[in-house]
């Protein structure tokens, strides 16, 4: 029977204390056992990590949700401009999108091909002609991704500052009624 001597230093006394581990193992036996154990136990762990990685990557992503706000047909009826909100599972905020599409095509599960605003904004579209679309908004569209042309359609973005669209409240309605 062999014993393994382990030495330990006690920090406050600055001396070595030794004790013996009894058993049949020696330093060669311990190192062979440790090498075999680490290889055999790491293989299932590696396989499990790879399996979890593949299942996480192969999971189908959840489709984005789309809510159509408005749509306008072009004067010739061949195209439509669609204003819609879009929210994907990995995004926090809604985005406001405008797409010009053929009249028979539904809204794709993608961002707009004309305008993409990084927030839910009030946006309107108006066809001026078959080849001219106007995008209107009281909100600031400076942070939006805007296209000047989609296919053969030109798009303009005039600043909406018409005070007549928001009339002041009638002063007579604010007055107290007289008996």
Protein backbone atom coordinates (compact mmCIF):
# COMPACT_ATOMS: atom_id res chain seq x y z
CA UNK A 1 0.00 0.00 0.00
CA UNK A 2 1.37 3.33 -1.01
CA UNK A 3 0.72 6.73 0.48
CA UNK A 4 0.77 10.12 -1.19
CA UNK A 5 2.41 12.87 0.80
CA UNK A 6 0.79 16.29 0.46
CA UNK A 7 2.58 19.33 1.78
CA UNK A 8 0.74 22.50 2.68
CA UNK A 9 2.11 25.79 3.87
CA UNK A 10 0.30 27.54 6.67
CA UNK A 11 0.50 31.26 5.79
CA UNK A 12 0.65 32.76 9.28
CA UNK A 13 3.26 30.36 10.72
CA UNK A 14 5.56 30.16 7.70
CA UNK A 15 6.04 26.43 8.12
CA UNK A 16 5.18 23.34 6.12
CA UNK A 17 2.66 20.81 7.38
CA UNK A 18 2.52 17.41 5.75
CA UNK A 19 -0.18 14.77 5.79
CA UNK A 20 -0.57 11.47 4.02
CA UNK A 21 -3.37 10.28 1.80
CA UNK A 22 -3.73 6.53 2.13
CA UNK A 23 -4.73 4.34 -0.74
CA UNK A 24 -3.30 2.54 -3.76
CA UNK A 25 -2.96 5.55 -6.04
CA UNK A 26 0.32 7.16 -6.88
CA UNK A 27 0.98 10.30 -8.86
CA UNK A 28 1.05 8.41 -12.19
CA UNK A 29 -2.26 6.71 -11.46
CA UNK A 30 -3.91 9.99 -10.50
CA UNK A 31 -2.73 11.82 -13.62
CA UNK A 32 -3.83 8.96 -15.94
CA UNK A 33 -7.25 8.89 -14.26
CA UNK A 34 -7.60 12.69 -14.56
CA UNK A 35 -6.65 12.68 -18.26
CA UNK A 36 -9.09 9.87 -19.06
CA UNK A 37 -11.90 11.50 -17.08
CA UNK A 38 -11.47 14.92 -18.65
CA UNK A 39 -11.54 13.50 -22.18
CA UNK A 40 -14.47 11.18 -21.64
CA UNK A 41 -16.59 13.73 -19.75
CA UNK A 42 -15.85 16.63 -22.10
CA UNK A 43 -17.08 14.77 -25.19
CA UNK A 44 -20.76 14.68 -24.10
CA UNK A 45 -20.52 18.33 -22.97
CA UNK A 46 -19.18 19.40 -26.36
CA UNK A 47 -21.85 17.37 -28.16
CA UNK A 48 -24.56 18.95 -25.99
CA UNK A 49 -23.29 22.47 -26.73
CA UNK A 50 -23.29 21.77 -30.47
CA UNK A 51 -26.81 20.35 -30.28
CA UNK A 52 -28.10 23.39 -28.38
CA UNK A 53 -26.37 25.70 -30.88
CA UNK A 54 -28.00 24.00 -33.85
CA UNK A 55 -31.46 23.96 -32.32
CA UNK A 56 -31.17 27.66 -31.44
CA UNK A 57 -30.00 28.60 -34.94
CA UNK A 58 -32.42 26.37 -36.79
CA UNK A 59 -35.47 27.76 -35.00
CA UNK A 60 -37.66 29.61 -37.43
CA UNK A 61 -37.79 33.27 -36.67
CA UNK A 62 -41.17 34.67 -35.80
CA UNK A 63 -42.63 36.68 -38.69
CA UNK A 64 -43.05 40.39 -38.24
CA UNK A 65 -46.48 41.79 -37.58
CA UNK A 66 -47.88 44.24 -40.11
CA UNK A 67 -50.88 46.54 -39.70
CA UNK A 68 -52.07 48.46 -42.75
CA UNK A 69 -53.01 52.05 -41.91
CA UNK A 70 -54.10 53.24 -45.35
CA UNK A 71 -53.65 52.56 -49.04
CA UNK A 72 -54.24 54.68 -52.12
CA UNK A 73 -54.63 53.52 -55.73
CA UNK A 74 -52.81 55.27 -58.51
CA UNK A 75 -55.06 57.12 -60.99
CA UNK A 76 -54.64 54.39 -63.64
CA UNK A 77 -55.31 51.62 -61.07
CA UNK A 78 -52.07 49.71 -61.75
CA UNK A 79 -50.22 50.62 -58.54
CA UNK A 80 -51.04 51.28 -54.93
CA UNK A 81 -49.21 53.12 -52.15
CA UNK A 82 -49.60 51.37 -48.79
CA UNK A 83 -48.88 52.95 -45.40
CA UNK A 84 -48.34 50.31 -42.72
CA UNK A 85 -46.86 49.76 -39.29
CA UNK A 86 -44.38 46.95 -38.82
CA UNK A 87 -43.12 45.31 -35.60
CA UNK A 88 -40.67 42.45 -35.45
CA UNK A 89 -40.02 40.30 -32.39
CA UNK A 90 -36.42 41.45 -32.02
CA UNK A 91 -37.30 45.16 -32.28
CA UNK A 92 -38.69 47.29 -29.49
CA UNK A 93 -40.51 49.97 -31.49
CA UNK A 94 -42.90 49.96 -34.41
CA UNK A 95 -41.73 51.35 -37.73
CA UNK A 96 -43.91 53.27 -40.16
CA UNK A 97 -43.45 52.10 -43.73
CA UNK A 98 -44.68 53.17 -47.15
CA UNK A 99 -44.47 50.82 -50.13
CA UNK A 100 -45.44 51.26 -53.76
CA UNK A 101 -46.74 47.92 -55.01
CA UNK A 102 -48.61 46.47 -57.98
CA UNK A 103 -52.34 46.60 -57.29
CA UNK A 104 -52.65 42.79 -56.92
CA UNK A 105 -49.64 42.34 -54.59
CA UNK A 106 -50.05 42.13 -50.83
CA UNK A 107 -47.77 43.91 -48.38
CA UNK A 108 -44.52 41.92 -48.09
CA UNK A 109 -42.98 40.85 -44.80
CA UNK A 110 -40.27 43.46 -45.25
CA UNK A 111 -39.63 47.14 -44.73
CA UNK A 112 -41.18 49.67 -47.06
CA UNK A 113 -39.59 50.32 -50.44
CA UNK A 114 -40.44 54.04 -50.31
CA UNK A 115 -40.27 55.25 -46.68
CA UNK A 116 -39.15 53.65 -43.41
CA UNK A 117 -39.63 55.76 -40.26
CA UNK A 118 -38.10 54.53 -37.00
CA UNK A 119 -41.29 55.21 -35.02
CA UNK A 120 -45.06 55.00 -35.34
CA UNK A 121 -45.84 58.27 -37.14
CA UNK A 122 -48.90 59.69 -38.85
CA UNK A 123 -48.14 59.53 -42.58
CA UNK A 124 -50.46 60.05 -45.57
CA UNK A 125 -49.90 59.43 -49.25
CA UNK A 126 -51.56 61.13 -52.22
CA UNK A 127 -51.15 60.34 -55.91
CA UNK A 128 -50.63 63.48 -58.01
CA UNK A 129 -50.48 61.44 -61.23
CA UNK A 130 -49.62 57.89 -62.32
CA UNK A 131 -45.91 58.71 -61.91
CA UNK A 132 -45.98 61.15 -58.98
CA UNK A 133 -46.64 60.32 -55.31
CA UNK A 134 -46.67 62.79 -52.42
CA UNK A 135 -45.91 61.61 -48.87
CA UNK A 136 -47.32 63.93 -46.19
CA UNK A 137 -46.64 64.01 -42.47
CA UNK A 138 -46.81 66.57 -39.70
CA UNK A 139 -44.01 64.65 -37.99
CA UNK A 140 -40.36 65.23 -38.72
CA UNK A 141 -39.23 62.73 -41.36
CA UNK A 142 -35.57 63.70 -41.18
CA UNK A 143 -34.69 60.39 -39.45
CA UNK A 144 -36.65 58.37 -42.01
CA UNK A 145 -35.12 56.46 -44.89
CA UNK A 146 -36.73 58.06 -47.95
CA UNK A 147 -36.52 57.17 -51.62
CA UNK A 148 -36.92 59.82 -54.31
CA UNK A 149 -37.91 57.29 -56.95
CA UNK A 150 -39.36 53.76 -56.92
CA UNK A 151 -39.64 52.22 -60.37
CA UNK A 152 -41.08 54.92 -62.62
CA UNK A 153 -42.76 56.78 -59.73
CA UNK A 154 -41.23 59.99 -58.36
CA UNK A 155 -41.87 60.73 -54.71
CA UNK A 156 -41.84 64.13 -53.04
CA UNK A 157 -41.96 64.99 -49.34
CA UNK A 158 -43.30 68.52 -48.86
CA UNK A 159 -43.20 70.09 -45.42
CA UNK A 160 -46.72 70.26 -44.02
CA UNK A 161 -47.08 73.61 -42.29
CA UNK A 162 -50.58 74.73 -43.30
CA UNK A 163 -52.13 76.34 -40.20
CA UNK A 164 -55.59 76.16 -41.79
CA UNK A 165 -55.57 72.41 -41.24
CA UNK A 166 -55.66 73.06 -37.47
CA UNK A 167 -58.07 75.93 -36.89
CA UNK A 168 -58.00 77.74 -33.58
CA UNK A 169 -60.91 76.96 -31.27
CA UNK A 170 -63.90 79.24 -31.72
CA UNK A 171 -63.74 82.02 -29.14
CA UNK A 172 -67.52 82.06 -28.84
CA UNK A 173 -67.59 78.41 -27.77
CA UNK A 174 -65.20 79.24 -24.89
CA UNK A 175 -67.43 82.05 -23.58
CA UNK A 176 -69.81 81.32 -20.73
CA UNK A 177 -73.45 81.17 -21.84
CA UNK A 178 -75.67 84.05 -20.82
CA UNK A 179 -79.17 83.36 -19.50
